[in-house]
N, C-alpha and C. Protein backbone atom coordinates (compact mmCIF):
# COMPACT_ATOMS: atom_id res chain seq x y z
N MET A 1 10.81 -248.28 -188.10
CA MET A 1 9.67 -248.97 -187.68
C MET A 1 8.67 -248.10 -186.98
N ALA A 2 9.20 -247.14 -186.41
CA ALA A 2 8.31 -246.25 -185.71
C ALA A 2 7.38 -245.59 -186.69
N SER A 3 7.92 -245.28 -187.82
CA SER A 3 7.06 -244.63 -188.80
C SER A 3 6.06 -245.61 -189.34
N SER A 4 6.47 -246.86 -189.52
CA SER A 4 5.50 -247.81 -190.01
C SER A 4 4.46 -248.09 -188.95
N SER A 5 4.86 -248.03 -187.72
CA SER A 5 3.92 -248.23 -186.66
C SER A 5 2.97 -247.05 -186.60
N MET A 6 3.51 -245.92 -186.83
CA MET A 6 2.68 -244.73 -186.84
C MET A 6 1.76 -244.72 -188.05
N GLY A 7 2.24 -245.17 -189.13
CA GLY A 7 1.43 -245.22 -190.35
C GLY A 7 0.32 -246.22 -190.20
N ALA A 8 0.59 -247.34 -189.55
CA ALA A 8 -0.42 -248.37 -189.36
C ALA A 8 -1.45 -247.88 -188.38
N SER A 9 -0.99 -247.19 -187.37
CA SER A 9 -1.95 -246.72 -186.38
C SER A 9 -2.79 -245.60 -186.98
N SER A 10 -2.21 -244.74 -187.80
CA SER A 10 -2.96 -243.68 -188.46
C SER A 10 -3.96 -244.29 -189.43
N TRP A 11 -3.47 -245.32 -190.15
CA TRP A 11 -4.38 -245.98 -191.08
C TRP A 11 -5.51 -246.65 -190.31
N SER A 12 -5.21 -247.22 -189.18
CA SER A 12 -6.18 -247.88 -188.34
C SER A 12 -7.17 -246.85 -187.79
N MET A 13 -6.67 -245.71 -187.47
CA MET A 13 -7.53 -244.63 -186.97
C MET A 13 -8.45 -244.13 -188.08
N GLN A 14 -7.87 -244.04 -189.26
CA GLN A 14 -8.68 -243.60 -190.39
C GLN A 14 -9.78 -244.61 -190.67
N ILE A 15 -9.42 -245.85 -190.56
CA ILE A 15 -10.41 -246.90 -190.80
C ILE A 15 -11.47 -246.82 -189.72
N GLN A 16 -11.04 -246.63 -188.49
CA GLN A 16 -12.01 -246.52 -187.41
C GLN A 16 -12.86 -245.27 -187.59
N ASN A 17 -12.20 -244.15 -187.95
CA ASN A 17 -12.94 -242.90 -188.18
C ASN A 17 -13.93 -243.07 -189.34
N SER A 18 -13.43 -243.67 -190.41
CA SER A 18 -14.32 -243.86 -191.55
C SER A 18 -15.42 -244.83 -191.21
N SER A 19 -15.12 -245.84 -190.44
CA SER A 19 -16.14 -246.80 -190.05
C SER A 19 -17.12 -246.14 -189.09
N SER A 20 -16.68 -245.31 -188.16
CA SER A 20 -17.59 -244.64 -187.26
C SER A 20 -18.38 -243.57 -188.01
N GLN A 21 -17.77 -242.95 -189.03
CA GLN A 21 -18.51 -241.98 -189.85
C GLN A 21 -19.58 -242.69 -190.66
N GLU A 22 -19.24 -243.87 -191.17
CA GLU A 22 -20.21 -244.65 -191.93
C GLU A 22 -21.36 -245.08 -191.01
N ASP A 23 -20.99 -245.52 -189.81
CA ASP A 23 -22.02 -245.93 -188.84
C ASP A 23 -22.90 -244.74 -188.47
N LEU A 24 -22.25 -243.59 -188.25
CA LEU A 24 -23.00 -242.39 -187.92
C LEU A 24 -23.92 -241.98 -189.08
N GLN A 25 -23.36 -242.08 -190.29
CA GLN A 25 -24.16 -241.73 -191.49
C GLN A 25 -25.33 -242.69 -191.63
N GLN A 26 -25.09 -243.98 -191.42
CA GLN A 26 -26.16 -244.98 -191.51
C GLN A 26 -27.22 -244.73 -190.43
N MET A 27 -26.74 -244.40 -189.25
CA MET A 27 -27.68 -244.12 -188.17
C MET A 27 -28.53 -242.88 -188.50
N MET A 28 -27.89 -241.85 -189.04
CA MET A 28 -28.63 -240.64 -189.42
C MET A 28 -29.61 -240.94 -190.57
N ASP A 29 -29.18 -241.77 -191.49
CA ASP A 29 -30.08 -242.16 -192.60
C ASP A 29 -31.29 -242.92 -192.07
N ARG A 30 -31.02 -243.82 -191.12
CA ARG A 30 -32.13 -244.57 -190.53
C ARG A 30 -33.11 -243.63 -189.83
N ARG A 31 -32.59 -242.69 -189.05
CA ARG A 31 -33.45 -241.72 -188.36
C ARG A 31 -34.24 -240.88 -189.37
N LYS A 32 -33.52 -240.48 -190.44
CA LYS A 32 -34.18 -239.67 -191.47
C LYS A 32 -35.31 -240.46 -192.13
N ARG A 33 -35.04 -241.71 -192.47
CA ARG A 33 -36.08 -242.56 -193.07
C ARG A 33 -37.23 -242.79 -192.11
N LYS A 34 -36.89 -243.02 -190.85
CA LYS A 34 -37.93 -243.23 -189.83
C LYS A 34 -38.80 -241.98 -189.69
N ARG A 35 -38.15 -240.80 -189.70
CA ARG A 35 -38.90 -239.54 -189.63
C ARG A 35 -39.79 -239.37 -190.87
N MET A 36 -39.24 -239.70 -192.04
CA MET A 36 -40.02 -239.59 -193.28
C MET A 36 -41.24 -240.52 -193.24
N VAL A 37 -41.04 -241.73 -192.77
CA VAL A 37 -42.14 -242.69 -192.66
C VAL A 37 -43.17 -242.17 -191.66
N SER A 38 -42.71 -241.65 -190.54
CA SER A 38 -43.61 -241.11 -189.53
C SER A 38 -44.38 -239.91 -190.07
N ASN A 39 -43.68 -239.03 -190.80
CA ASN A 39 -44.35 -237.87 -191.40
C ASN A 39 -45.39 -238.29 -192.44
N ARG A 40 -45.03 -239.28 -193.23
CA ARG A 40 -46.00 -239.77 -194.23
C ARG A 40 -47.24 -240.35 -193.56
N GLU A 41 -47.01 -241.11 -192.50
CA GLU A 41 -48.14 -241.71 -191.76
C GLU A 41 -49.00 -240.62 -191.13
N SER A 42 -48.34 -239.62 -190.56
CA SER A 42 -49.07 -238.51 -189.95
C SER A 42 -49.88 -237.75 -191.01
N ALA A 43 -49.30 -237.51 -192.17
CA ALA A 43 -50.01 -236.83 -193.27
C ALA A 43 -51.20 -237.67 -193.74
N ARG A 44 -50.98 -239.02 -193.82
CA ARG A 44 -52.08 -239.92 -194.23
C ARG A 44 -53.22 -239.85 -193.22
N ARG A 45 -52.90 -239.87 -191.91
CA ARG A 45 -53.93 -239.77 -190.88
C ARG A 45 -54.64 -238.42 -190.96
N SER A 46 -53.89 -237.36 -191.21
CA SER A 46 -54.48 -236.03 -191.34
C SER A 46 -55.44 -235.98 -192.54
N ARG A 47 -55.03 -236.55 -193.66
CA ARG A 47 -55.92 -236.59 -194.84
C ARG A 47 -57.18 -237.41 -194.55
N MET A 48 -57.02 -238.51 -193.80
CA MET A 48 -58.17 -239.33 -193.45
C MET A 48 -59.13 -238.57 -192.53
N ARG A 49 -58.58 -237.83 -191.54
CA ARG A 49 -59.43 -237.01 -190.66
C ARG A 49 -60.18 -235.95 -191.46
N LYS A 50 -59.47 -235.29 -192.37
CA LYS A 50 -60.12 -234.27 -193.20
C LYS A 50 -61.22 -234.89 -194.06
N GLN A 51 -60.95 -236.06 -194.64
CA GLN A 51 -61.95 -236.72 -195.46
C GLN A 51 -63.16 -237.13 -194.63
N LYS A 52 -62.91 -237.65 -193.41
CA LYS A 52 -64.02 -238.02 -192.53
C LYS A 52 -64.83 -236.78 -192.15
N HIS A 53 -64.15 -235.68 -191.85
CA HIS A 53 -64.85 -234.44 -191.52
C HIS A 53 -65.70 -233.96 -192.70
N LEU A 54 -65.13 -234.04 -193.90
CA LEU A 54 -65.87 -233.65 -195.11
C LEU A 54 -67.09 -234.55 -195.31
N ASP A 55 -66.92 -235.85 -195.12
CA ASP A 55 -68.06 -236.78 -195.24
C ASP A 55 -69.13 -236.48 -194.20
N ASP A 56 -68.70 -236.20 -192.96
CA ASP A 56 -69.66 -235.86 -191.91
C ASP A 56 -70.43 -234.59 -192.26
N LEU A 57 -69.72 -233.59 -192.77
CA LEU A 57 -70.38 -232.35 -193.18
C LEU A 57 -71.38 -232.60 -194.32
N ALA A 58 -71.01 -233.44 -195.28
CA ALA A 58 -71.92 -233.76 -196.39
C ALA A 58 -73.17 -234.47 -195.88
N THR A 59 -72.98 -235.38 -194.93
CA THR A 59 -74.13 -236.08 -194.33
C THR A 59 -75.02 -235.10 -193.59
N HIS A 60 -74.40 -234.18 -192.85
CA HIS A 60 -75.17 -233.17 -192.11
C HIS A 60 -75.94 -232.26 -193.07
N VAL A 61 -75.31 -231.88 -194.18
CA VAL A 61 -75.99 -231.05 -195.19
C VAL A 61 -77.21 -231.80 -195.74
N ASP A 62 -77.05 -233.08 -196.03
CA ASP A 62 -78.19 -233.88 -196.52
C ASP A 62 -79.32 -233.92 -195.51
N GLN A 63 -78.97 -234.11 -194.23
CA GLN A 63 -80.00 -234.14 -193.19
C GLN A 63 -80.72 -232.80 -193.09
N LEU A 64 -79.96 -231.71 -193.13
CA LEU A 64 -80.58 -230.38 -193.05
C LEU A 64 -81.45 -230.09 -194.27
N MET A 65 -81.02 -230.54 -195.43
CA MET A 65 -81.84 -230.34 -196.63
C MET A 65 -83.15 -231.14 -196.54
N ASN A 66 -83.07 -232.35 -196.00
CA ASN A 66 -84.29 -233.14 -195.81
C ASN A 66 -85.22 -232.47 -194.81
N GLU A 67 -84.66 -231.99 -193.70
CA GLU A 67 -85.47 -231.28 -192.70
C GLU A 67 -86.11 -230.04 -193.32
N ASN A 68 -85.32 -229.31 -194.09
CA ASN A 68 -85.83 -228.10 -194.73
C ASN A 68 -86.97 -228.44 -195.69
N SER A 69 -86.82 -229.52 -196.43
CA SER A 69 -87.86 -229.95 -197.35
C SER A 69 -89.15 -230.30 -196.59
N LEU A 70 -89.01 -230.99 -195.46
CA LEU A 70 -90.17 -231.33 -194.65
C LEU A 70 -90.84 -230.08 -194.08
N ILE A 71 -90.02 -229.12 -193.65
CA ILE A 71 -90.57 -227.88 -193.10
C ILE A 71 -91.30 -227.10 -194.18
N VAL A 72 -90.72 -227.02 -195.38
CA VAL A 72 -91.38 -226.30 -196.48
C VAL A 72 -92.69 -226.98 -196.85
N THR A 73 -92.69 -228.31 -196.90
CA THR A 73 -93.93 -229.04 -197.19
C THR A 73 -94.98 -228.76 -196.12
N SER A 74 -94.56 -228.83 -194.86
CA SER A 74 -95.48 -228.57 -193.76
C SER A 74 -96.01 -227.14 -193.82
N LEU A 75 -95.15 -226.21 -194.14
CA LEU A 75 -95.57 -224.81 -194.26
C LEU A 75 -96.58 -224.63 -195.39
N ASN A 76 -96.33 -225.29 -196.51
CA ASN A 76 -97.28 -225.20 -197.63
C ASN A 76 -98.64 -225.79 -197.27
N VAL A 77 -98.64 -226.93 -196.59
CA VAL A 77 -99.91 -227.55 -196.17
C VAL A 77 -100.63 -226.64 -195.18
N THR A 78 -99.88 -226.10 -194.22
CA THR A 78 -100.48 -225.21 -193.23
C THR A 78 -101.04 -223.95 -193.89
N THR A 79 -100.30 -223.40 -194.84
CA THR A 79 -100.77 -222.21 -195.55
C THR A 79 -102.05 -222.52 -196.32
N GLN A 80 -102.10 -223.67 -196.97
CA GLN A 80 -103.31 -224.03 -197.71
C GLN A 80 -104.49 -224.21 -196.77
N LEU A 81 -104.26 -224.86 -195.63
CA LEU A 81 -105.33 -225.02 -194.65
C LEU A 81 -105.80 -223.67 -194.14
N TYR A 82 -104.86 -222.77 -193.88
CA TYR A 82 -105.22 -221.42 -193.43
C TYR A 82 -106.09 -220.72 -194.47
N LEU A 83 -105.67 -220.81 -195.74
CA LEU A 83 -106.44 -220.15 -196.80
C LEU A 83 -107.85 -220.74 -196.90
N ASN A 84 -107.96 -222.06 -196.77
CA ASN A 84 -109.28 -222.71 -196.82
C ASN A 84 -110.15 -222.23 -195.65
N ILE A 85 -109.57 -222.21 -194.46
CA ILE A 85 -110.34 -221.79 -193.28
C ILE A 85 -110.70 -220.31 -193.38
N ASP A 86 -109.78 -219.49 -193.92
CA ASP A 86 -110.06 -218.07 -194.09
C ASP A 86 -111.22 -217.86 -195.07
N ALA A 87 -111.23 -218.63 -196.16
CA ALA A 87 -112.32 -218.53 -197.13
C ALA A 87 -113.64 -218.97 -196.49
N GLU A 88 -113.60 -220.07 -195.75
CA GLU A 88 -114.81 -220.54 -195.07
C GLU A 88 -115.29 -219.51 -194.05
N ASN A 89 -114.35 -218.89 -193.36
CA ASN A 89 -114.69 -217.86 -192.38
C ASN A 89 -115.36 -216.67 -193.06
N SER A 90 -114.88 -216.28 -194.23
CA SER A 90 -115.49 -215.18 -194.98
C SER A 90 -116.92 -215.52 -195.38
N VAL A 91 -117.13 -216.77 -195.81
CA VAL A 91 -118.48 -217.21 -196.18
C VAL A 91 -119.39 -217.16 -194.95
N LEU A 92 -118.88 -217.64 -193.81
CA LEU A 92 -119.69 -217.63 -192.60
C LEU A 92 -120.01 -216.20 -192.14
N ARG A 93 -119.05 -215.28 -192.31
CA ARG A 93 -119.32 -213.88 -191.96
C ARG A 93 -120.42 -213.30 -192.86
N ALA A 94 -120.35 -213.63 -194.16
CA ALA A 94 -121.38 -213.14 -195.09
C ALA A 94 -122.74 -213.71 -194.71
N GLN A 95 -122.77 -214.99 -194.36
CA GLN A 95 -124.03 -215.60 -193.94
C GLN A 95 -124.54 -214.97 -192.66
N LEU A 96 -123.64 -214.67 -191.74
CA LEU A 96 -124.03 -214.02 -190.49
C LEU A 96 -124.64 -212.65 -190.78
N ASP A 97 -124.01 -211.89 -191.68
CA ASP A 97 -124.55 -210.58 -192.03
C ASP A 97 -125.95 -210.72 -192.63
N GLU A 98 -126.10 -211.69 -193.53
CA GLU A 98 -127.41 -211.87 -194.18
C GLU A 98 -128.46 -212.29 -193.15
N LEU A 99 -128.12 -213.23 -192.29
CA LEU A 99 -129.08 -213.69 -191.28
C LEU A 99 -129.41 -212.59 -190.27
N THR A 100 -128.41 -211.78 -189.94
CA THR A 100 -128.67 -210.65 -189.04
C THR A 100 -129.65 -209.68 -189.68
N HIS A 101 -129.44 -209.42 -190.97
CA HIS A 101 -130.34 -208.53 -191.70
C HIS A 101 -131.77 -209.12 -191.73
N ARG A 102 -131.86 -210.40 -192.00
CA ARG A 102 -133.18 -211.06 -192.01
C ARG A 102 -133.85 -210.95 -190.65
N LEU A 103 -133.08 -211.21 -189.60
CA LEU A 103 -133.63 -211.15 -188.25
C LEU A 103 -134.16 -209.75 -187.94
N ARG A 104 -133.39 -208.73 -188.31
CA ARG A 104 -133.87 -207.36 -188.09
C ARG A 104 -135.17 -207.12 -188.85
N SER A 105 -135.21 -207.58 -190.10
CA SER A 105 -136.44 -207.39 -190.90
C SER A 105 -137.62 -208.10 -190.26
N LEU A 106 -137.40 -209.33 -189.84
CA LEU A 106 -138.48 -210.08 -189.21
C LEU A 106 -138.91 -209.43 -187.90
N ASN A 107 -137.96 -208.93 -187.12
CA ASN A 107 -138.31 -208.23 -185.88
C ASN A 107 -139.11 -206.96 -186.18
N GLU A 108 -138.74 -206.26 -187.26
CA GLU A 108 -139.51 -205.08 -187.66
C GLU A 108 -140.94 -205.47 -188.04
N ILE A 109 -141.08 -206.56 -188.75
CA ILE A 109 -142.42 -207.03 -189.15
C ILE A 109 -143.23 -207.39 -187.91
N ILE A 110 -142.60 -208.09 -186.97
CA ILE A 110 -143.30 -208.47 -185.74
C ILE A 110 -143.72 -207.21 -184.98
N THR A 111 -142.83 -206.24 -184.91
CA THR A 111 -143.15 -204.99 -184.23
C THR A 111 -144.33 -204.30 -184.91
N CYS A 112 -144.30 -204.28 -186.25
CA CYS A 112 -145.41 -203.65 -187.00
C CYS A 112 -146.72 -204.40 -186.78
N LEU A 113 -146.66 -205.71 -186.77
CA LEU A 113 -147.86 -206.51 -186.56
C LEU A 113 -148.41 -206.29 -185.16
N ASP A 114 -147.50 -206.23 -184.19
CA ASP A 114 -147.93 -205.97 -182.82
C ASP A 114 -148.60 -204.60 -182.72
N LEU A 115 -148.03 -203.62 -183.38
CA LEU A 115 -148.62 -202.28 -183.37
C LEU A 115 -149.98 -202.29 -184.08
N THR A 116 -150.07 -203.02 -185.16
CA THR A 116 -151.31 -203.11 -185.92
C THR A 116 -152.40 -203.76 -185.08
N SER A 117 -152.06 -204.86 -184.43
CA SER A 117 -153.08 -205.54 -183.62
C SER A 117 -153.50 -204.66 -182.45
N CYS A 118 -152.57 -203.88 -181.92
CA CYS A 118 -152.93 -202.97 -180.83
C CYS A 118 -153.82 -201.84 -181.36
N LEU A 119 -153.52 -201.34 -182.54
CA LEU A 119 -154.29 -200.22 -183.10
C LEU A 119 -155.71 -200.63 -183.47
N PHE A 120 -155.80 -201.75 -184.10
CA PHE A 120 -157.13 -202.17 -184.59
C PHE A 120 -157.84 -203.04 -183.57
N ASP A 121 -157.14 -203.52 -182.61
CA ASP A 121 -157.71 -204.34 -181.55
C ASP A 121 -158.60 -205.44 -182.11
N THR A 122 -158.05 -206.16 -183.03
CA THR A 122 -158.80 -207.28 -183.61
C THR A 122 -158.16 -208.57 -183.15
N GLU A 123 -159.01 -209.46 -182.73
CA GLU A 123 -158.51 -210.76 -182.33
C GLU A 123 -159.09 -211.79 -183.27
N ARG A 124 -158.23 -212.63 -183.72
CA ARG A 124 -158.68 -213.68 -184.63
C ARG A 124 -158.18 -215.03 -184.12
N ASP A 125 -158.91 -216.03 -184.48
CA ASP A 125 -158.38 -217.34 -184.14
C ASP A 125 -157.39 -217.76 -185.23
N GLU A 126 -156.69 -218.82 -185.02
CA GLU A 126 -155.62 -219.22 -185.95
C GLU A 126 -156.16 -219.52 -187.33
N ASP A 127 -157.36 -220.16 -187.46
CA ASP A 127 -157.89 -220.49 -188.78
C ASP A 127 -158.27 -219.23 -189.54
N ALA A 128 -158.78 -218.24 -188.86
CA ALA A 128 -159.20 -217.02 -189.52
C ALA A 128 -157.97 -216.25 -190.01
N SER A 129 -156.91 -216.28 -189.26
CA SER A 129 -155.73 -215.53 -189.68
C SER A 129 -155.05 -216.18 -190.88
N MET A 130 -155.31 -217.46 -191.08
CA MET A 130 -154.71 -218.14 -192.21
C MET A 130 -155.43 -217.80 -193.51
N ASN A 131 -156.71 -217.53 -193.45
CA ASN A 131 -157.49 -217.22 -194.65
C ASN A 131 -157.73 -215.72 -194.72
N MET A 132 -156.94 -215.02 -195.48
CA MET A 132 -157.08 -213.58 -195.60
C MET A 132 -158.15 -213.29 -196.64
N HIS A 133 -158.96 -212.29 -196.37
CA HIS A 133 -159.97 -211.85 -197.33
C HIS A 133 -159.35 -210.83 -198.24
N ASP A 134 -160.00 -210.56 -199.33
CA ASP A 134 -159.46 -209.60 -200.30
C ASP A 134 -159.30 -208.20 -199.71
N ASP A 135 -160.21 -207.80 -198.85
CA ASP A 135 -160.11 -206.46 -198.29
C ASP A 135 -158.93 -206.32 -197.32
N GLU A 136 -158.45 -207.44 -196.80
CA GLU A 136 -157.28 -207.36 -195.91
C GLU A 136 -156.02 -207.03 -196.69
N PHE A 137 -155.99 -207.32 -198.00
CA PHE A 137 -154.82 -206.96 -198.80
C PHE A 137 -154.71 -205.46 -198.97
N LEU A 138 -155.79 -204.76 -198.77
CA LEU A 138 -155.75 -203.31 -198.89
C LEU A 138 -155.19 -202.65 -197.64
N ASN A 139 -155.16 -203.37 -196.56
CA ASN A 139 -154.59 -202.85 -195.33
C ASN A 139 -153.09 -202.64 -195.54
N PRO A 140 -152.54 -201.42 -195.30
CA PRO A 140 -151.12 -201.17 -195.56
C PRO A 140 -150.19 -202.03 -194.72
N TRP A 141 -150.65 -202.43 -193.55
CA TRP A 141 -149.78 -203.25 -192.72
C TRP A 141 -149.62 -204.64 -193.30
N ASN A 142 -150.60 -205.12 -193.97
CA ASN A 142 -150.50 -206.43 -194.60
C ASN A 142 -149.59 -206.38 -195.82
N LEU A 143 -149.47 -205.22 -196.44
CA LEU A 143 -148.60 -205.10 -197.61
C LEU A 143 -147.13 -205.30 -197.23
N LEU A 144 -146.81 -205.03 -195.97
CA LEU A 144 -145.44 -205.28 -195.54
C LEU A 144 -145.09 -206.75 -195.68
N LEU A 145 -146.05 -207.60 -195.43
CA LEU A 145 -145.82 -209.04 -195.56
C LEU A 145 -145.58 -209.43 -197.00
N VAL A 146 -146.30 -208.79 -197.91
CA VAL A 146 -146.19 -209.13 -199.32
C VAL A 146 -144.85 -208.66 -199.88
N ASN A 147 -144.36 -207.52 -199.44
CA ASN A 147 -143.14 -206.95 -199.99
C ASN A 147 -141.86 -207.57 -199.43
N GLN A 148 -141.94 -208.32 -198.37
CA GLN A 148 -140.75 -208.90 -197.79
C GLN A 148 -140.28 -210.07 -198.64
N PRO A 149 -139.00 -210.08 -198.99
CA PRO A 149 -138.49 -211.25 -199.73
C PRO A 149 -138.43 -212.44 -198.80
N ILE A 150 -138.76 -213.56 -199.35
CA ILE A 150 -138.71 -214.79 -198.56
C ILE A 150 -137.45 -215.51 -199.00
N MET A 151 -136.52 -215.56 -198.10
CA MET A 151 -135.26 -216.21 -198.40
C MET A 151 -135.09 -217.34 -197.41
N GLY A 152 -134.75 -218.44 -197.91
CA GLY A 152 -134.55 -219.57 -197.01
C GLY A 152 -134.25 -220.80 -197.80
N THR A 153 -133.85 -221.80 -197.10
CA THR A 153 -133.55 -223.08 -197.73
C THR A 153 -134.53 -224.09 -197.21
N ALA A 154 -134.52 -225.22 -197.85
CA ALA A 154 -135.43 -226.29 -197.42
C ALA A 154 -135.09 -226.71 -195.99
N ASP A 155 -133.82 -226.67 -195.64
CA ASP A 155 -133.42 -227.03 -194.28
C ASP A 155 -134.05 -226.09 -193.26
N MET A 156 -134.10 -224.79 -193.59
CA MET A 156 -134.67 -223.83 -192.66
C MET A 156 -136.17 -224.04 -192.52
N LEU A 157 -136.83 -224.40 -193.59
CA LEU A 157 -138.27 -224.62 -193.54
C LEU A 157 -138.62 -225.85 -192.72
N ILE A 158 -137.80 -226.86 -192.83
CA ILE A 158 -138.05 -228.10 -192.08
C ILE A 158 -137.86 -227.85 -190.60
N MET A 159 -136.89 -227.02 -190.23
CA MET A 159 -136.62 -226.76 -188.82
C MET A 159 -137.79 -226.02 -188.17
N HIS A 160 -138.50 -225.17 -188.89
CA HIS A 160 -139.57 -224.37 -188.32
C HIS A 160 -140.83 -225.08 -188.57
């Protein structure tokens, strides 16, 4: 009987050992599954963060491209305005040169006329100076008046 008692107790121990091994195995399987689920969830969250970051970067690229487009448009408009103003400035410089030349010529004529009136000491009233006689055309000082080009616009004539 002792052996049967020993056999029963050994069998009982084996059953307990096998049952505790099964419980341990089940517990390890549960932990393993829980870890796998946790890892999958963590990977899913990581993929979502990466996708959100990628979307944010794409949105930022679109914003920068729009800003760049606005800056290029503004630069083109500013460049065109600059070119227009530069061309207008060149025209005004040319007009200034021409008017300066005219002014010098007119001042030279006035100087010559002043010298002529001093030399000949002739005084005329306004009506007489308007009606030149034929012999006055022979005076060399009067020829200066004839040779001067008359340049002007209707606006300039109205102002004077």
